[in-house]
């Protein structure tokens, strides 16, 4: 039997320790911010994140769902894995599902709080991305368009499994029965298995919750979804040695059903993405192995010159980066053999790769240079450096 953490215990923690809310009308089993009847005073868990907003959909469309283009999803997921000190990352997708797995740190309450809290992150200092942006883009991949209708009306959302003992992963893969723990003292010893509804509401397997109308109680994470996740995970890991190659003694899995047309957005630029990742290895913090649909992405070995400006330095003050809490780091990367630089800019075929990186390539920055420049303080809008 696989024991998992109790999502209600986490919601209680979030209300008390993060939101610091003692409202007696707060029902932590109610998904919406407020009761739809304005004469009623019941408030739900989403109120802790979205405050007293009548139109959660409008707010989501301008915040959590307005973070990046669908095709940026894999970049964002890799960023999150690197932030969690992963050395291994694998993403698999087809027209129906997307699943990624890494061997990074087990999720803490702070990590989970950052995932559900719009605009929040527990990251400080030398981070690439944040749980906020990297995870929120997953919500865009459900349903049609930006995913809003599926999120609000169909309670669609990603599922997370995070473990801190290898036997927990083995039991999850083997299909052992899942039982949600009810002992608060032992809860932190268990693996996370939650589905995120409304972009902010973690629910346990088989948990009955109050839906938007408050009166209806239903389960929105059931055994059917769990079986789909397990089956796709097994297929994704067919060529991966769990015991030796990638040391998955701890880590996390993210899974979701792709919405209509989302496969196309992810897949149409996959070759360019693979190329960009092969150079990104030179700038990442911890990742050593990256797989996309079972294909290992190999590192491009380039020479580099690096420099760092401390946040208290004169140079830092003159540059005025947006992030004031981390040092500025930059690298100038190139092939020692000049002929190999045609891999970056081939003037004969006019095949140019992006030259500017903020850990990952800015895909529109194809300037014809035979070198790469990475800086953790470049301002970018996912594909281009901005002034």
Protein backbone atom coordinates (compact mmCIF):
# COMPACT_ATOMS: atom_id res chain seq x y z
CA UNK A 1 0.00 0.00 0.00
CA UNK A 2 1.19 3.52 -0.84
CA UNK A 3 0.34 6.18 1.74
CA UNK A 4 0.07 9.74 0.42
CA UNK A 5 -0.16 13.16 2.01
CA UNK A 6 -3.55 14.55 2.94
CA UNK A 7 -4.39 17.60 0.82
CA UNK A 8 -6.74 18.90 3.48
CA UNK A 9 -3.87 19.05 5.98
CA UNK A 10 -1.96 21.19 3.49
CA UNK A 11 -4.94 23.49 2.92
CA UNK A 12 -5.15 23.95 6.69
CA UNK A 13 -1.42 24.74 6.78
CA UNK A 14 -1.75 27.25 3.95
CA UNK A 15 -4.65 29.03 5.62
CA UNK A 16 -2.90 29.25 8.98
CA UNK A 17 0.78 29.72 8.11
CA UNK A 18 0.79 31.35 4.68
CA UNK A 19 -2.46 33.29 4.36
CA UNK A 20 -2.77 33.74 8.15
CA UNK A 21 -6.53 33.63 7.84
CA UNK A 22 -8.76 32.82 10.82
CA UNK A 23 -12.09 33.60 9.15
CA UNK A 24 -14.78 31.44 10.77
CA UNK A 25 -16.77 31.43 7.52
CA UNK A 26 -13.87 29.83 5.65
CA UNK A 27 -14.65 26.32 4.39
CA UNK A 28 -11.38 24.70 3.25
CA UNK A 29 -13.33 21.98 1.39
CA UNK A 30 -15.05 24.60 -0.81
CA UNK A 31 -13.19 25.27 -4.06
CA UNK A 32 -14.40 28.77 -4.98
CA UNK A 33 -13.55 32.08 -3.28
CA UNK A 34 -17.11 32.87 -2.16
CA UNK A 35 -20.62 31.44 -2.10
CA UNK A 36 -22.43 32.36 -5.34
CA UNK A 37 -25.38 33.68 -3.33
CA UNK A 38 -24.35 37.13 -2.09
CA UNK A 39 -26.65 36.70 0.90
CA UNK A 40 -24.52 33.78 2.09
CA UNK A 41 -21.22 34.29 3.91
CA UNK A 42 -19.39 31.01 3.24
CA UNK A 43 -15.95 31.46 1.72
CA UNK A 44 -13.74 28.86 0.07
CA UNK A 45 -10.05 28.00 -0.19
CA UNK A 46 -9.59 30.01 -3.41
CA UNK A 47 -10.33 33.14 -1.40
CA UNK A 48 -6.93 32.71 0.26
CA UNK A 49 -5.28 33.02 -3.14
CA UNK A 50 -7.63 35.16 -5.23
CA UNK A 51 -9.26 37.22 -2.44
CA UNK A 52 -12.92 38.18 -2.75
CA UNK A 53 -13.19 38.10 -6.54
CA UNK A 54 -16.55 37.38 -8.13
CA UNK A 55 -15.01 36.66 -11.54
CA UNK A 56 -12.15 34.23 -10.95
CA UNK A 57 -12.01 33.46 -14.67
CA UNK A 58 -11.24 37.05 -15.60
CA UNK A 59 -8.50 37.18 -12.98
CA UNK A 60 -6.96 33.91 -14.16
CA UNK A 61 -6.96 35.12 -17.77
CA UNK A 62 -4.89 38.16 -16.83
CA UNK A 63 -2.54 36.40 -14.41
CA UNK A 64 -2.03 32.63 -14.15
CA UNK A 65 -3.03 31.94 -17.78
CA UNK A 66 -1.21 34.94 -19.23
CA UNK A 67 2.31 33.71 -18.64
CA UNK A 68 3.71 32.25 -21.86
CA UNK A 69 2.89 30.63 -25.15
CA UNK A 70 1.89 26.96 -25.11
CA UNK A 71 5.04 25.91 -26.98
CA UNK A 72 7.19 27.24 -24.11
CA UNK A 73 5.88 24.56 -21.75
CA UNK A 74 8.87 22.22 -21.98
CA UNK A 75 11.38 25.04 -21.42
CA UNK A 76 9.47 26.11 -18.32
CA UNK A 77 9.29 22.57 -16.95
CA UNK A 78 13.04 22.09 -17.44
CA UNK A 79 13.65 25.38 -15.64
CA UNK A 80 11.65 24.15 -12.65
CA UNK A 81 13.55 20.86 -12.60
CA UNK A 82 16.89 22.69 -12.58
CA UNK A 83 15.66 24.92 -9.74
CA UNK A 84 14.91 21.76 -7.72
CA UNK A 85 18.51 20.56 -8.09
CA UNK A 86 17.57 17.81 -10.53
CA UNK A 87 20.27 16.03 -12.51
CA UNK A 88 17.71 14.12 -14.61
CA UNK A 89 14.62 15.34 -16.48
CA UNK A 90 12.38 13.48 -18.89
CA UNK A 91 9.27 14.72 -20.68
CA UNK A 92 6.94 12.54 -22.73
CA UNK A 93 3.89 13.66 -24.66
CA UNK A 94 1.46 12.51 -27.32
CA UNK A 95 -1.81 13.89 -28.61
CA UNK A 96 -3.55 13.05 -25.34
CA UNK A 97 -1.13 13.38 -22.42
CA UNK A 98 1.98 15.16 -21.20
CA UNK A 99 4.14 13.85 -18.35
CA UNK A 100 7.47 14.98 -16.98
CA UNK A 101 9.62 13.41 -14.28
CA UNK A 102 12.73 14.69 -12.50
CA UNK A 103 14.94 13.59 -9.61
CA UNK A 104 14.92 16.92 -7.83
CA UNK A 105 14.10 17.76 -4.24
CA UNK A 106 10.96 16.40 -2.61
CA UNK A 107 8.28 19.08 -2.41
CA UNK A 108 8.13 21.05 0.80
CA UNK A 109 5.08 22.96 2.02
CA UNK A 110 6.82 26.10 0.81
CA UNK A 111 7.21 24.62 -2.69
CA UNK A 112 3.55 23.60 -2.83
CA UNK A 113 2.51 27.03 -1.57
CA UNK A 114 4.47 28.68 -4.38
CA UNK A 115 2.81 26.41 -6.96
CA UNK A 116 -0.73 27.37 -5.98
CA UNK A 117 -0.14 31.00 -5.03
CA UNK A 118 -0.54 33.22 -8.11
CA UNK A 119 2.47 35.47 -8.57
CA UNK A 120 4.32 33.91 -5.66
CA UNK A 121 7.56 31.95 -5.55
CA UNK A 122 9.70 30.55 -2.78
CA UNK A 123 12.77 31.19 -4.91
CA UNK A 124 15.42 33.70 -4.00
CA UNK A 125 18.85 34.44 -5.37
CA UNK A 126 20.19 32.30 -8.21
CA UNK A 127 17.05 30.79 -9.64
CA UNK A 128 16.35 30.27 -13.31
CA UNK A 129 12.60 30.32 -13.18
CA UNK A 130 10.01 30.02 -10.46
CA UNK A 131 7.50 27.38 -9.54
CA UNK A 132 4.92 30.09 -10.29
CA UNK A 133 5.49 30.63 -14.00
CA UNK A 134 6.85 27.19 -14.77
CA UNK A 135 3.90 25.40 -13.22
CA UNK A 136 1.16 27.80 -14.27
CA UNK A 137 1.86 27.23 -17.93
CA UNK A 138 0.68 23.64 -17.42
CA UNK A 139 -2.82 24.99 -16.83
CA UNK A 140 -2.77 26.59 -20.30
CA UNK A 141 -2.36 23.16 -21.84
CA UNK A 142 -5.77 21.84 -20.74
CA UNK A 143 -8.94 22.44 -22.72
CA UNK A 144 -9.14 24.82 -25.69
CA UNK A 145 -7.38 28.14 -26.17
CA UNK A 146 -5.94 29.32 -22.82
CA UNK A 147 -7.65 26.50 -20.91
CA UNK A 148 -9.93 28.72 -18.84
CA UNK A 149 -13.23 26.99 -19.61
CA UNK A 150 -11.78 23.56 -18.82
CA UNK A 151 -10.29 24.85 -15.56
CA UNK A 152 -13.43 26.58 -14.31
CA UNK A 153 -16.21 24.42 -15.75
CA UNK A 154 -14.62 20.97 -16.00
CA UNK A 155 -12.22 21.18 -13.03
CA UNK A 156 -9.29 20.20 -15.25
CA UNK A 157 -5.77 20.50 -13.93
CA UNK A 158 -2.37 18.83 -13.55
CA UNK A 159 -1.58 16.02 -11.13
CA UNK A 160 1.57 16.00 -9.00
CA UNK A 161 3.39 13.04 -7.47
CA UNK A 162 6.46 13.87 -5.35
CA UNK A 163 8.40 11.31 -3.33
CA UNK A 164 11.33 11.26 -0.92
CA UNK A 165 11.93 7.50 -0.74
CA UNK A 166 12.56 5.28 -3.75
CA UNK A 167 10.11 2.60 -2.61
CA UNK A 168 7.32 5.19 -2.92
CA UNK A 169 8.05 5.59 -6.64
CA UNK A 170 8.27 1.81 -7.05
CA UNK A 171 4.88 1.33 -5.40
CA UNK A 172 3.37 4.10 -7.51
CA UNK A 173 4.62 2.55 -10.74
CA UNK A 174 3.65 -0.99 -9.76
CA UNK A 175 0.05 0.06 -9.17
CA UNK A 176 -0.21 -0.56 -5.43
CA UNK A 177 -3.33 0.71 -3.71
CA UNK A 178 -3.16 4.37 -2.71
CA UNK A 179 -4.40 5.41 0.70
CA UNK A 180 -4.53 9.02 1.87
CA UNK A 181 -2.95 9.44 5.29
CA UNK A 182 -4.92 10.77 8.25
CA UNK A 183 -2.11 11.03 10.82
CA UNK A 184 -0.83 14.61 10.90
CA UNK A 185 2.31 13.60 12.76
CA UNK A 186 3.35 11.20 9.99
CA UNK A 187 1.99 13.16 7.04
CA UNK A 188 5.37 14.60 5.99
CA UNK A 189 6.79 11.09 5.65
CA UNK A 190 4.33 10.30 2.86
CA UNK A 191 4.53 11.07 -0.85
CA UNK A 192 2.50 13.89 -2.38
CA UNK A 193 -0.27 12.83 -4.76
CA UNK A 194 -2.59 15.72 -5.52
CA UNK A 195 -4.51 17.19 -8.42
CA UNK A 196 -4.53 20.99 -8.68
CA UNK A 197 -8.01 22.38 -9.41
CA UNK A 198 -8.84 26.02 -10.17
CA UNK A 199 -5.01 26.49 -10.49
CA UNK A 200 -4.85 26.74 -6.68
CA UNK A 201 -6.85 23.99 -4.95
CA UNK A 202 -4.94 20.76 -4.19
CA UNK A 203 -7.22 17.76 -3.74
CA UNK A 204 -6.39 14.19 -2.73
CA UNK A 205 -7.35 11.03 -4.60
CA UNK A 206 -11.01 10.22 -3.93
CA UNK A 207 -11.57 13.34 -1.82
CA UNK A 208 -15.09 14.74 -1.90
CA UNK A 209 -15.07 18.55 -2.15
CA UNK A 210 -17.63 21.35 -2.50
CA UNK A 211 -17.86 22.65 -6.07
CA UNK A 212 -18.56 26.21 -7.25
CA UNK A 213 -22.25 26.19 -6.34
CA UNK A 214 -21.29 25.13 -2.80
CA UNK A 215 -24.18 22.66 -2.49
CA UNK A 216 -22.73 20.04 -4.85
CA UNK A 217 -20.13 17.71 -3.38
CA UNK A 218 -18.09 15.53 -5.73
CA UNK A 219 -14.76 13.78 -6.31
CA UNK A 220 -12.63 15.45 -9.01
CA UNK A 221 -9.56 13.22 -8.75
CA UNK A 222 -10.56 9.60 -9.16
CA UNK A 223 -9.07 6.17 -9.84
CA UNK A 224 -9.61 6.49 -13.60
CA UNK A 225 -7.31 9.52 -13.79
CA UNK A 226 -4.76 7.81 -11.56
CA UNK A 227 -4.73 4.76 -13.84
CA UNK A 228 -4.20 6.96 -16.92
CA UNK A 229 -1.27 8.64 -15.20
CA UNK A 230 0.32 5.36 -14.12
CA UNK A 231 -0.06 3.77 -17.56
CA UNK A 232 1.49 6.73 -19.36
CA UNK A 233 4.29 6.87 -16.80
CA UNK A 234 5.18 3.20 -17.42
CA UNK A 235 5.29 3.84 -21.16
CA UNK A 236 7.45 6.95 -20.64
CA UNK A 237 10.02 5.08 -18.55
CA UNK A 238 10.45 2.00 -20.74
CA UNK A 239 14.04 2.92 -21.64
CA UNK A 240 15.04 4.47 -18.31
CA UNK A 241 17.03 2.59 -15.66
CA UNK A 242 15.36 3.75 -12.45
CA UNK A 243 17.87 2.15 -10.10
CA UNK A 244 21.21 3.20 -11.54
CA UNK A 245 21.21 5.60 -14.48
CA UNK A 246 19.30 8.50 -13.01
CA UNK A 247 19.15 7.94 -9.26
CA UNK A 248 15.45 8.56 -8.68
CA UNK A 249 15.53 8.15 -4.91
CA UNK A 250 13.49 11.35 -4.74
CA UNK A 251 11.80 13.54 -7.31
CA UNK A 252 8.54 14.73 -8.80
CA UNK A 253 6.15 13.88 -11.63
CA UNK A 254 3.73 16.26 -13.35
CA UNK A 255 0.93 14.84 -15.48
CA UNK A 256 -2.02 16.25 -17.36
CA UNK A 257 -4.43 15.56 -20.18
CA UNK A 258 -3.70 17.84 -23.13
CA UNK A 259 -6.47 19.98 -24.50
CA UNK A 260 -7.58 20.07 -28.11
CA UNK A 261 -4.79 21.29 -30.40
CA UNK A 262 -2.19 21.58 -27.63
CA UNK A 263 -0.10 18.69 -28.99
CA UNK A 264 0.45 20.69 -32.18
CA UNK A 265 1.72 23.75 -30.30
CA UNK A 266 4.21 21.66 -28.37
CA UNK A 267 5.35 19.46 -31.23
CA UNK A 268 5.68 21.90 -34.13
CA UNK A 269 8.85 23.51 -32.76
CA UNK A 270 10.34 20.50 -31.03
CA UNK A 271 13.44 20.25 -33.25
CA UNK A 272 14.41 23.85 -32.55
CA UNK A 273 13.78 23.25 -28.87
CA UNK A 274 16.07 20.20 -28.83
CA UNK A 275 18.82 22.21 -30.52
CA UNK A 276 18.45 25.04 -28.01
CA UNK A 277 18.58 22.67 -25.05
CA UNK A 278 21.80 21.09 -26.34
CA UNK A 279 23.50 24.48 -25.90
CA UNK A 280 21.59 25.36 -22.70
CA UNK A 281 23.41 22.55 -20.89
CA UNK A 282 26.40 24.93 -20.75
CA UNK A 283 24.41 27.42 -18.68
CA UNK A 284 22.19 25.26 -16.45
CA UNK A 285 22.88 24.80 -12.75
CA UNK A 286 22.40 21.09 -12.09
CA UNK A 287 20.80 19.15 -14.96
CA UNK A 288 23.02 16.56 -16.65
CA UNK A 289 20.53 14.41 -18.58
CA UNK A 290 17.45 15.56 -20.48
CA UNK A 291 15.14 13.27 -22.47
CA UNK A 292 12.29 14.26 -24.80
CA UNK A 293 10.01 11.38 -25.75
CA UNK A 294 12.81 8.95 -24.91
CA UNK A 295 15.49 10.73 -26.93
CA UNK A 296 18.48 11.90 -24.90
CA UNK A 297 19.50 15.46 -25.75
CA UNK A 298 23.29 15.64 -26.02
CA UNK A 299 25.29 18.58 -24.75
CA UNK A 300 27.11 20.77 -27.29
CA UNK A 301 30.59 21.21 -25.86
CA UNK A 302 31.65 24.81 -26.39
CA UNK A 303 34.35 26.92 -24.78
CA UNK A 304 33.20 29.77 -22.58
CA UNK A 305 34.40 32.82 -20.73
CA UNK A 306 32.32 33.76 -17.68
CA UNK A 307 32.10 36.76 -15.42
CA UNK A 308 30.06 37.66 -12.35
CA UNK A 309 29.11 41.02 -10.85
CA UNK A 310 28.22 40.99 -7.17
CA UNK A 311 24.95 42.70 -6.30
CA UNK A 312 26.93 45.18 -4.18
CA UNK A 313 29.34 46.10 -6.98
CA UNK A 314 29.53 49.35 -8.94
CA UNK A 315 28.90 47.45 -12.19
CA UNK A 316 25.70 45.93 -10.77
CA UNK A 317 24.43 49.39 -9.82
CA UNK A 318 25.18 50.73 -13.30
CA UNK A 319 23.42 47.86 -15.07
CA UNK A 320 20.29 48.12 -12.86
CA UNK A 321 18.90 44.60 -13.38
CA UNK A 322 15.28 43.86 -12.64
CA UNK A 323 16.18 41.22 -10.03
CA UNK A 324 18.05 43.03 -7.27
CA UNK A 325 18.59 39.92 -5.12
CA UNK A 326 21.01 37.90 -7.25
CA UNK A 327 24.42 38.54 -8.75
CA UNK A 328 24.68 39.15 -12.47
CA UNK A 329 26.32 36.24 -14.27
CA UNK A 330 27.13 36.11 -17.95
CA UNK A 331 29.00 33.82 -20.32
CA UNK A 332 30.49 34.23 -23.78
CA UNK A 333 30.47 30.79 -25.46
CA UNK A 334 32.06 29.69 -28.71
CA UNK A 335 33.58 26.75 -30.57
CA UNK A 336 37.36 26.59 -30.22
CA UNK A 337 37.48 25.22 -33.78
CA UNK A 338 36.22 28.11 -35.88
CA UNK A 339 34.89 25.76 -38.57
CA UNK A 340 32.50 24.21 -36.06
CA UNK A 341 30.97 27.63 -35.47
CA UNK A 342 28.97 26.96 -38.64
CA UNK A 343 26.76 24.89 -36.33
CA UNK A 344 25.61 28.23 -34.88
CA UNK A 345 25.67 30.40 -38.02
CA UNK A 346 26.06 28.88 -41.46
CA UNK A 347 26.15 31.77 -43.92
CA UNK A 348 26.00 29.44 -46.93
CA UNK A 349 22.72 27.82 -45.95
CA UNK A 350 21.49 30.82 -43.93
CA UNK A 351 20.81 28.43 -41.07
CA UNK A 352 21.14 30.50 -37.91
CA UNK A 353 20.64 29.43 -34.31
CA UNK A 354 19.64 31.86 -31.54
CA UNK A 355 22.62 33.76 -30.12
CA UNK A 356 21.18 35.11 -26.86
CA UNK A 357 20.33 32.95 -23.85
CA UNK A 358 18.83 33.47 -20.44
CA UNK A 359 19.64 29.85 -19.54
CA UNK A 360 17.46 28.94 -22.54
CA UNK A 361 17.52 30.38 -26.03
CA UNK A 362 15.54 33.42 -27.10
CA UNK A 363 14.27 31.94 -30.33
CA UNK A 364 13.92 35.20 -32.26
CA UNK A 365 17.46 36.32 -31.48
CA UNK A 366 19.01 34.79 -34.59
CA UNK A 367 21.61 37.44 -35.35
CA UNK A 368 24.08 35.47 -37.45
CA UNK A 369 26.82 35.61 -34.81
CA UNK A 370 29.18 32.65 -34.49
CA UNK A 371 29.02 32.78 -30.71
CA UNK A 372 26.50 32.66 -27.87
CA UNK A 373 25.92 35.11 -25.03
CA UNK A 374 24.15 34.02 -21.86
CA UNK A 375 23.13 36.31 -19.00
CA UNK A 376 20.84 35.59 -16.10
CA UNK A 377 19.73 39.24 -16.10
CA UNK A 378 18.59 39.54 -19.71
CA UNK A 379 15.03 40.84 -19.82
CA UNK A 380 13.07 38.67 -22.20
CA UNK A 381 9.54 37.93 -23.35
CA UNK A 382 10.20 34.19 -23.84
CA UNK A 383 11.50 34.54 -27.41
CA UNK A 384 13.26 37.92 -27.62
CA UNK A 385 15.46 40.18 -25.53
CA UNK A 386 13.59 43.33 -24.54
CA UNK A 387 15.10 46.80 -23.96
